Amino acid sequence: MAVLDTLTEYKPEVAALPIHLSRFGTMLFQTAGFLYSLFDDRKDSTNLLRIWKGFDHPFNNELQNFYKKLSPFKNDLKSVRNSIAFHGSLTRSREKAGLSIFDIESPRGSEFAGLISDMLNLALKMIMWHVERMNEADQPMKIWQEFDVELNGYRVIRL
C-alpha cells in the first residue's frame, strides 16, 4: 500500500508519519541537499566560495569559516542529497546513509542544526548586502534580464 497513489494525491490513512512530520522532514532533507550543493567541490558545480571570490565583498572570512565547519558533514550531506533529497534511492539501507546528522540529541546533530541556522543567517546577510547596493540607477529589471540572457548561454554586450 503506497502513501501516494499518484504524485499529487496524498493518502493520510496509509501514511507512516503524520503529515506535519512528513512536510518538516521533506524540507529538512531538501535544505541538507541544497546546503551540500552550495559547497560542492566538483569543478562543474555551483560553489558559493568560488562564485563569491569573483568580486569584492565583506563575507570572505565568514564563508571560509562556515566551509570549515561544514567539512566534517560533507560525506553525510552528499549521501542525503543523493539518496533522499534530490535523486532518491531504491534501498532503505542506502537511504540510511548520512541520517545521523539529523539526530538532534547527539552533539553532532545539534552542531548540524546550528550550521543550518548559521547558513540561513549568512545567506540573508549576503542577499541584503547585495540588495542595499542596488539602486534605481542600477536598473534591477535590466540586471535580471541580463542574468536571464547569461543563463541561456548568450553573452551580454554592453555598449
N, C-alpha and C. Protein backbone atom coordinates (compact mmCIF):
# COMPACT_ATOMS: atom_id res chain seq x y z
N MET A 1 0.85 -1.18 0.00
CA MET A 1 0.00 0.00 0.00
C MET A 1 0.89 1.24 0.00
N ALA A 2 0.66 2.15 -0.88
CA ALA A 2 1.52 3.33 -1.03
C ALA A 2 0.91 4.55 -0.38
N VAL A 3 1.79 5.43 0.08
CA VAL A 3 1.34 6.70 0.64
C VAL A 3 0.78 7.59 -0.46
N LEU A 4 1.39 7.52 -1.64
CA LEU A 4 0.93 8.32 -2.77
C LEU A 4 0.40 7.39 -3.85
N ASP A 5 -0.87 7.59 -4.26
CA ASP A 5 -1.38 6.84 -5.40
C ASP A 5 -0.88 7.45 -6.69
N THR A 6 -0.73 8.76 -6.70
CA THR A 6 -0.13 9.48 -7.82
C THR A 6 0.83 10.48 -7.19
N LEU A 7 1.50 11.24 -7.99
CA LEU A 7 2.42 12.22 -7.43
C LEU A 7 1.71 13.36 -6.73
N THR A 8 0.40 13.48 -6.91
CA THR A 8 -0.31 14.61 -6.32
C THR A 8 -1.35 14.20 -5.29
N GLU A 9 -1.67 12.93 -5.18
CA GLU A 9 -2.74 12.52 -4.28
C GLU A 9 -2.16 11.92 -2.99
N TYR A 10 -2.34 12.61 -1.89
CA TYR A 10 -1.83 12.16 -0.60
C TYR A 10 -2.89 11.31 0.09
N LYS A 11 -2.47 10.18 0.65
CA LYS A 11 -3.38 9.26 1.33
C LYS A 11 -3.05 9.21 2.83
N PRO A 12 -3.66 10.09 3.64
CA PRO A 12 -3.29 10.15 5.05
C PRO A 12 -3.57 8.86 5.81
N GLU A 13 -4.54 8.08 5.36
CA GLU A 13 -4.88 6.86 6.09
C GLU A 13 -3.80 5.78 6.00
N VAL A 14 -2.88 5.92 5.04
CA VAL A 14 -1.82 4.92 4.93
C VAL A 14 -0.43 5.53 5.16
N ALA A 15 -0.37 6.78 5.55
CA ALA A 15 0.91 7.44 5.78
C ALA A 15 1.60 6.87 7.02
N ALA A 16 2.91 6.72 6.92
CA ALA A 16 3.69 6.21 8.04
C ALA A 16 3.89 7.27 9.12
N LEU A 17 3.88 8.51 8.73
CA LEU A 17 4.09 9.63 9.66
C LEU A 17 2.94 10.62 9.53
N PRO A 18 2.66 11.36 10.61
CA PRO A 18 1.69 12.45 10.47
C PRO A 18 2.18 13.44 9.42
N ILE A 19 1.27 14.08 8.73
CA ILE A 19 1.62 14.95 7.61
C ILE A 19 2.56 16.09 8.02
N HIS A 20 2.39 16.66 9.24
CA HIS A 20 3.28 17.75 9.61
C HIS A 20 4.72 17.26 9.75
N LEU A 21 4.92 16.00 10.15
CA LEU A 21 6.28 15.47 10.23
C LEU A 21 6.83 15.17 8.84
N SER A 22 5.98 14.69 7.95
CA SER A 22 6.42 14.44 6.57
C SER A 22 6.83 15.74 5.90
N ARG A 23 6.06 16.80 6.10
CA ARG A 23 6.40 18.10 5.50
C ARG A 23 7.70 18.63 6.08
N PHE A 24 7.85 18.54 7.39
CA PHE A 24 9.08 19.01 8.04
C PHE A 24 10.28 18.22 7.52
N GLY A 25 10.14 16.91 7.47
CA GLY A 25 11.23 16.06 7.00
C GLY A 25 11.61 16.37 5.57
N THR A 26 10.61 16.57 4.73
CA THR A 26 10.88 16.90 3.33
C THR A 26 11.69 18.18 3.23
N MET A 27 11.28 19.20 3.96
CA MET A 27 12.01 20.48 3.92
C MET A 27 13.41 20.34 4.50
N LEU A 28 13.55 19.54 5.54
CA LEU A 28 14.87 19.34 6.14
C LEU A 28 15.80 18.61 5.18
N PHE A 29 15.31 17.56 4.53
CA PHE A 29 16.13 16.84 3.55
C PHE A 29 16.52 17.75 2.39
N GLN A 30 15.58 18.54 1.89
CA GLN A 30 15.88 19.45 0.78
C GLN A 30 16.91 20.51 1.20
N THR A 31 16.76 21.03 2.42
CA THR A 31 17.72 22.01 2.93
C THR A 31 19.12 21.41 2.98
N ALA A 32 19.22 20.17 3.48
CA ALA A 32 20.51 19.50 3.54
C ALA A 32 21.08 19.29 2.14
N GLY A 33 20.23 18.91 1.20
CA GLY A 33 20.68 18.71 -0.17
C GLY A 33 21.20 19.99 -0.80
N PHE A 34 20.47 21.08 -0.61
CA PHE A 34 20.91 22.36 -1.16
C PHE A 34 22.17 22.86 -0.45
N LEU A 35 22.27 22.61 0.84
CA LEU A 35 23.46 23.03 1.59
C LEU A 35 24.69 22.34 1.02
N TYR A 36 24.58 21.04 0.76
CA TYR A 36 25.70 20.33 0.14
C TYR A 36 26.02 20.96 -1.22
N SER A 37 25.00 21.19 -2.02
CA SER A 37 25.21 21.72 -3.37
C SER A 37 25.85 23.10 -3.37
N LEU A 38 25.56 23.91 -2.36
CA LEU A 38 26.18 25.23 -2.29
C LEU A 38 27.69 25.17 -2.13
N PHE A 39 28.19 24.08 -1.58
CA PHE A 39 29.61 23.95 -1.32
C PHE A 39 30.21 22.71 -1.97
N ASP A 40 29.55 22.20 -3.01
CA ASP A 40 30.04 21.03 -3.75
C ASP A 40 31.37 21.39 -4.40
N ASP A 41 32.38 20.54 -4.22
CA ASP A 41 33.73 20.84 -4.68
C ASP A 41 34.00 20.48 -6.14
N ARG A 42 33.06 19.83 -6.80
CA ARG A 42 33.31 19.48 -8.20
C ARG A 42 33.48 20.76 -9.03
N LYS A 43 34.29 20.68 -10.04
CA LYS A 43 34.56 21.86 -10.88
C LYS A 43 33.33 22.31 -11.66
N ASP A 44 32.41 21.40 -11.96
CA ASP A 44 31.22 21.75 -12.73
C ASP A 44 30.03 22.12 -11.85
N SER A 45 30.27 22.30 -10.56
CA SER A 45 29.17 22.58 -9.63
C SER A 45 29.04 24.07 -9.33
N THR A 46 27.91 24.41 -8.78
CA THR A 46 27.72 25.75 -8.24
C THR A 46 28.36 25.73 -6.86
N ASN A 47 29.37 26.53 -6.67
CA ASN A 47 30.07 26.56 -5.39
C ASN A 47 30.12 28.00 -4.91
N LEU A 48 29.48 28.26 -3.80
CA LEU A 48 29.36 29.61 -3.27
C LEU A 48 30.72 30.27 -3.06
N LEU A 49 31.69 29.52 -2.56
CA LEU A 49 33.03 30.10 -2.35
C LEU A 49 33.65 30.57 -3.66
N ARG A 50 33.58 29.74 -4.69
CA ARG A 50 34.16 30.12 -5.99
C ARG A 50 33.44 31.32 -6.58
N ILE A 51 32.13 31.31 -6.54
CA ILE A 51 31.35 32.40 -7.15
C ILE A 51 31.64 33.72 -6.46
N TRP A 52 31.65 33.73 -5.13
CA TRP A 52 31.85 34.98 -4.40
C TRP A 52 33.31 35.42 -4.34
N LYS A 53 34.24 34.59 -4.79
CA LYS A 53 35.63 35.03 -4.90
C LYS A 53 35.80 35.98 -6.08
N GLY A 54 34.81 36.01 -6.97
CA GLY A 54 34.91 36.79 -8.18
C GLY A 54 34.74 38.28 -8.01
N PHE A 55 34.41 38.75 -6.81
CA PHE A 55 34.25 40.19 -6.59
C PHE A 55 34.48 40.53 -5.12
N ASP A 56 34.67 41.81 -4.85
CA ASP A 56 34.96 42.27 -3.50
C ASP A 56 33.68 42.28 -2.66
N HIS A 57 33.75 41.68 -1.48
CA HIS A 57 32.62 41.63 -0.56
C HIS A 57 33.15 41.40 0.86
N PRO A 58 32.35 41.68 1.87
CA PRO A 58 32.82 41.54 3.25
C PRO A 58 32.60 40.15 3.86
N PHE A 59 32.27 39.13 3.07
CA PHE A 59 31.88 37.83 3.63
C PHE A 59 32.91 36.74 3.46
N ASN A 60 34.08 37.06 2.96
CA ASN A 60 35.07 36.02 2.68
C ASN A 60 35.40 35.19 3.92
N ASN A 61 35.70 35.85 5.03
CA ASN A 61 36.05 35.11 6.25
C ASN A 61 34.89 34.27 6.76
N GLU A 62 33.68 34.83 6.73
CA GLU A 62 32.51 34.08 7.20
C GLU A 62 32.26 32.85 6.33
N LEU A 63 32.40 33.00 5.02
CA LEU A 63 32.21 31.87 4.11
C LEU A 63 33.28 30.80 4.34
N GLN A 64 34.53 31.22 4.50
CA GLN A 64 35.61 30.27 4.75
C GLN A 64 35.39 29.52 6.07
N ASN A 65 35.01 30.26 7.11
CA ASN A 65 34.76 29.63 8.41
C ASN A 65 33.59 28.66 8.35
N PHE A 66 32.54 29.06 7.64
CA PHE A 66 31.39 28.16 7.51
C PHE A 66 31.79 26.89 6.77
N TYR A 67 32.56 27.04 5.69
CA TYR A 67 33.00 25.88 4.92
C TYR A 67 33.81 24.92 5.80
N LYS A 68 34.68 25.46 6.64
CA LYS A 68 35.47 24.61 7.54
C LYS A 68 34.57 23.85 8.52
N LYS A 69 33.54 24.52 9.04
CA LYS A 69 32.61 23.86 9.97
C LYS A 69 31.76 22.82 9.26
N LEU A 70 31.46 23.07 7.99
CA LEU A 70 30.63 22.15 7.21
C LEU A 70 31.39 20.90 6.76
N SER A 71 32.69 21.03 6.58
CA SER A 71 33.50 19.95 6.01
C SER A 71 33.30 18.58 6.65
N PRO A 72 33.25 18.47 7.99
CA PRO A 72 33.06 17.14 8.58
C PRO A 72 31.70 16.50 8.25
N PHE A 73 30.76 17.28 7.74
CA PHE A 73 29.42 16.79 7.42
C PHE A 73 29.24 16.48 5.94
N LYS A 74 30.23 16.81 5.12
CA LYS A 74 30.03 16.75 3.67
C LYS A 74 29.71 15.35 3.15
N ASN A 75 30.35 14.31 3.66
CA ASN A 75 30.05 12.96 3.18
C ASN A 75 28.60 12.58 3.49
N ASP A 76 28.15 12.89 4.71
CA ASP A 76 26.77 12.59 5.07
C ASP A 76 25.79 13.43 4.27
N LEU A 77 26.13 14.70 4.07
CA LEU A 77 25.26 15.57 3.27
C LEU A 77 25.15 15.08 1.83
N LYS A 78 26.26 14.62 1.30
CA LYS A 78 26.24 14.09 -0.07
C LYS A 78 25.34 12.86 -0.14
N SER A 79 25.43 11.99 0.85
CA SER A 79 24.57 10.80 0.89
C SER A 79 23.10 11.18 0.97
N VAL A 80 22.78 12.15 1.83
CA VAL A 80 21.39 12.60 1.97
C VAL A 80 20.90 13.22 0.67
N ARG A 81 21.73 14.07 0.08
CA ARG A 81 21.34 14.70 -1.18
C ARG A 81 21.10 13.66 -2.27
N ASN A 82 22.02 12.72 -2.40
CA ASN A 82 21.94 11.76 -3.49
C ASN A 82 20.90 10.67 -3.29
N SER A 83 20.62 10.29 -2.05
CA SER A 83 19.71 9.17 -1.84
C SER A 83 18.31 9.56 -1.39
N ILE A 84 18.14 10.77 -0.88
CA ILE A 84 16.81 11.17 -0.40
C ILE A 84 16.38 12.50 -0.99
N ALA A 85 17.19 13.53 -0.80
CA ALA A 85 16.75 14.89 -1.13
C ALA A 85 16.53 15.12 -2.62
N PHE A 86 17.50 14.73 -3.45
CA PHE A 86 17.41 15.08 -4.86
C PHE A 86 17.16 13.90 -5.78
N HIS A 87 17.79 12.77 -5.52
CA HIS A 87 17.79 11.71 -6.51
C HIS A 87 16.97 10.48 -6.14
N GLY A 88 16.79 10.22 -4.88
CA GLY A 88 16.03 9.03 -4.49
C GLY A 88 16.92 7.80 -4.44
N SER A 89 16.39 6.77 -3.81
CA SER A 89 17.15 5.54 -3.62
C SER A 89 16.22 4.35 -3.79
N LEU A 90 16.78 3.25 -4.18
CA LEU A 90 15.98 2.04 -4.34
C LEU A 90 16.03 1.15 -3.11
N THR A 91 16.90 1.46 -2.14
CA THR A 91 17.02 0.61 -0.95
C THR A 91 16.97 1.44 0.32
N ARG A 92 16.36 0.87 1.34
CA ARG A 92 16.30 1.54 2.64
C ARG A 92 17.69 1.66 3.26
N SER A 93 18.55 0.67 3.06
CA SER A 93 19.89 0.75 3.66
C SER A 93 20.68 1.91 3.07
N ARG A 94 20.52 2.18 1.78
CA ARG A 94 21.21 3.32 1.16
C ARG A 94 20.63 4.63 1.68
N GLU A 95 19.33 4.68 1.92
CA GLU A 95 18.71 5.89 2.44
C GLU A 95 19.21 6.24 3.83
N LYS A 96 19.59 5.23 4.60
CA LYS A 96 20.02 5.48 5.97
C LYS A 96 21.37 6.19 6.05
N ALA A 97 22.16 6.07 5.00
CA ALA A 97 23.49 6.70 5.00
C ALA A 97 23.34 8.20 5.18
N GLY A 98 24.03 8.73 6.16
CA GLY A 98 24.03 10.16 6.38
C GLY A 98 22.98 10.68 7.34
N LEU A 99 22.02 9.87 7.71
CA LEU A 99 20.91 10.36 8.53
C LEU A 99 21.31 10.72 9.96
N SER A 100 22.48 10.30 10.40
CA SER A 100 22.91 10.63 11.77
C SER A 100 23.05 12.13 11.99
N ILE A 101 23.20 12.90 10.91
CA ILE A 101 23.32 14.35 11.08
C ILE A 101 22.03 14.98 11.58
N PHE A 102 20.93 14.24 11.49
CA PHE A 102 19.64 14.77 11.95
C PHE A 102 19.29 14.34 13.37
N ASP A 103 20.18 13.60 14.03
CA ASP A 103 19.94 13.15 15.40
C ASP A 103 20.21 14.31 16.36
N ILE A 104 19.18 15.08 16.62
CA ILE A 104 19.31 16.32 17.39
C ILE A 104 19.76 16.08 18.84
N GLU A 105 19.60 14.83 19.31
CA GLU A 105 20.01 14.52 20.68
C GLU A 105 21.49 14.20 20.77
N SER A 106 22.16 14.12 19.64
CA SER A 106 23.60 13.88 19.65
C SER A 106 24.32 15.22 19.48
N PRO A 107 25.56 15.31 19.98
CA PRO A 107 26.32 16.56 19.78
C PRO A 107 26.49 16.89 18.29
N ARG A 108 26.70 15.88 17.48
CA ARG A 108 26.89 16.10 16.04
C ARG A 108 25.60 16.63 15.40
N GLY A 109 24.47 16.06 15.76
CA GLY A 109 23.19 16.53 15.23
C GLY A 109 22.89 17.96 15.65
N SER A 110 23.19 18.28 16.90
CA SER A 110 22.99 19.65 17.38
C SER A 110 23.89 20.63 16.63
N GLU A 111 25.14 20.21 16.39
CA GLU A 111 26.07 21.06 15.65
C GLU A 111 25.55 21.30 14.23
N PHE A 112 25.02 20.24 13.59
CA PHE A 112 24.50 20.39 12.23
C PHE A 112 23.29 21.32 12.21
N ALA A 113 22.40 21.19 13.18
CA ALA A 113 21.24 22.09 13.25
C ALA A 113 21.70 23.54 13.36
N GLY A 114 22.75 23.77 14.15
CA GLY A 114 23.31 25.11 14.27
C GLY A 114 23.88 25.60 12.95
N LEU A 115 24.50 24.71 12.18
CA LEU A 115 25.05 25.09 10.87
C LEU A 115 23.96 25.52 9.90
N ILE A 116 22.84 24.82 9.92
CA ILE A 116 21.73 25.22 9.05
C ILE A 116 21.30 26.64 9.39
N SER A 117 21.14 26.90 10.66
CA SER A 117 20.75 28.24 11.11
C SER A 117 21.80 29.28 10.72
N ASP A 118 23.07 28.94 10.91
CA ASP A 118 24.15 29.86 10.55
C ASP A 118 24.14 30.18 9.06
N MET A 119 23.91 29.17 8.22
CA MET A 119 23.90 29.40 6.78
C MET A 119 22.72 30.26 6.37
N LEU A 120 21.57 30.01 6.96
CA LEU A 120 20.40 30.84 6.66
C LEU A 120 20.68 32.30 7.01
N ASN A 121 21.26 32.54 8.18
CA ASN A 121 21.58 33.90 8.59
C ASN A 121 22.63 34.55 7.68
N LEU A 122 23.65 33.78 7.32
CA LEU A 122 24.68 34.31 6.43
C LEU A 122 24.09 34.62 5.05
N ALA A 123 23.26 33.72 4.54
CA ALA A 123 22.64 33.95 3.23
C ALA A 123 21.79 35.22 3.24
N LEU A 124 21.03 35.42 4.31
CA LEU A 124 20.22 36.64 4.41
C LEU A 124 21.10 37.89 4.43
N LYS A 125 22.20 37.84 5.18
CA LYS A 125 23.13 38.98 5.21
C LYS A 125 23.71 39.25 3.84
N MET A 126 24.08 38.18 3.13
CA MET A 126 24.67 38.34 1.80
C MET A 126 23.66 38.93 0.81
N ILE A 127 22.45 38.45 0.86
CA ILE A 127 21.40 38.96 -0.03
C ILE A 127 21.12 40.43 0.28
N MET A 128 20.96 40.75 1.54
CA MET A 128 20.67 42.13 1.92
C MET A 128 21.82 43.06 1.55
N TRP A 129 23.05 42.61 1.73
CA TRP A 129 24.22 43.40 1.35
C TRP A 129 24.16 43.73 -0.14
N HIS A 130 23.83 42.75 -0.94
CA HIS A 130 23.75 42.96 -2.38
C HIS A 130 22.59 43.89 -2.74
N VAL A 131 21.44 43.66 -2.17
CA VAL A 131 20.25 44.46 -2.48
C VAL A 131 20.46 45.91 -2.07
N GLU A 132 21.08 46.14 -0.91
CA GLU A 132 21.32 47.51 -0.44
C GLU A 132 22.23 48.30 -1.38
N ARG A 133 23.06 47.62 -2.12
CA ARG A 133 23.95 48.30 -3.05
C ARG A 133 23.29 48.59 -4.39
N MET A 134 22.14 48.03 -4.59
CA MET A 134 21.40 48.32 -5.82
C MET A 134 20.54 49.55 -5.58
N ASN A 135 20.43 50.38 -6.58
CA ASN A 135 19.50 51.49 -6.50
C ASN A 135 18.81 51.60 -7.85
N GLU A 136 17.94 52.53 -7.98
CA GLU A 136 17.18 52.66 -9.23
C GLU A 136 18.10 52.88 -10.42
N ALA A 137 19.25 53.55 -10.22
CA ALA A 137 20.18 53.78 -11.32
C ALA A 137 20.75 52.46 -11.84
N ASP A 138 20.79 51.43 -10.98
CA ASP A 138 21.29 50.12 -11.40
C ASP A 138 20.29 49.37 -12.28
N GLN A 139 19.08 49.87 -12.32
CA GLN A 139 18.02 49.26 -13.11
C GLN A 139 17.90 47.75 -12.82
N PRO A 140 17.37 47.41 -11.64
CA PRO A 140 17.29 45.99 -11.25
C PRO A 140 16.63 45.10 -12.30
N MET A 141 15.61 45.58 -13.00
CA MET A 141 14.97 44.74 -14.02
C MET A 141 15.93 44.46 -15.19
N LYS A 142 16.75 45.44 -15.52
CA LYS A 142 17.72 45.23 -16.60
C LYS A 142 18.76 44.19 -16.16
N ILE A 143 19.19 44.27 -14.91
CA ILE A 143 20.14 43.29 -14.38
C ILE A 143 19.52 41.90 -14.43
N TRP A 144 18.26 41.79 -14.04
CA TRP A 144 17.56 40.50 -14.07
C TRP A 144 17.51 39.96 -15.51
N GLN A 145 17.20 40.82 -16.47
CA GLN A 145 17.13 40.40 -17.87
C GLN A 145 18.51 39.95 -18.36
N GLU A 146 19.56 40.66 -17.98
CA GLU A 146 20.91 40.28 -18.38
C GLU A 146 21.29 38.93 -17.76
N PHE A 147 20.87 38.70 -16.53
CA PHE A 147 21.12 37.42 -15.87
C PHE A 147 20.42 36.30 -16.65
N ASP A 148 19.20 36.54 -17.07
CA ASP A 148 18.45 35.56 -17.84
C ASP A 148 19.15 35.26 -19.16
N VAL A 149 19.66 36.29 -19.82
CA VAL A 149 20.40 36.10 -21.08
C VAL A 149 21.63 35.23 -20.83
N GLU A 150 22.36 35.52 -19.73
CA GLU A 150 23.54 34.73 -19.38
C GLU A 150 23.19 33.28 -19.12
N LEU A 151 22.08 33.05 -18.40
CA LEU A 151 21.66 31.68 -18.10
C LEU A 151 21.38 30.90 -19.37
N ASN A 152 20.90 31.58 -20.38
CA ASN A 152 20.58 30.91 -21.63
C ASN A 152 21.79 30.79 -22.56
N GLY A 153 22.97 31.13 -22.06
CA GLY A 153 24.19 30.90 -22.80
C GLY A 153 24.60 31.98 -23.76
N TYR A 154 24.02 33.15 -23.64
CA TYR A 154 24.40 34.25 -24.51
C TYR A 154 25.26 35.23 -23.73
N ARG A 155 26.13 35.88 -24.41
CA ARG A 155 27.00 36.86 -23.78
C ARG A 155 26.33 38.22 -23.80
N VAL A 156 26.40 38.94 -22.70
CA VAL A 156 25.85 40.28 -22.63
C VAL A 156 26.88 41.25 -23.17
N ILE A 157 26.49 42.04 -24.15
CA ILE A 157 27.39 43.04 -24.71
C ILE A 157 26.85 44.40 -24.29
N ARG A 158 27.66 45.13 -23.56
CA ARG A 158 27.26 46.48 -23.13
C ARG A 158 27.90 47.50 -24.04
N LEU A 159 27.09 48.43 -24.47
CA LEU A 159 27.61 49.50 -25.34
C LEU A 159 27.89 50.74 -24.55
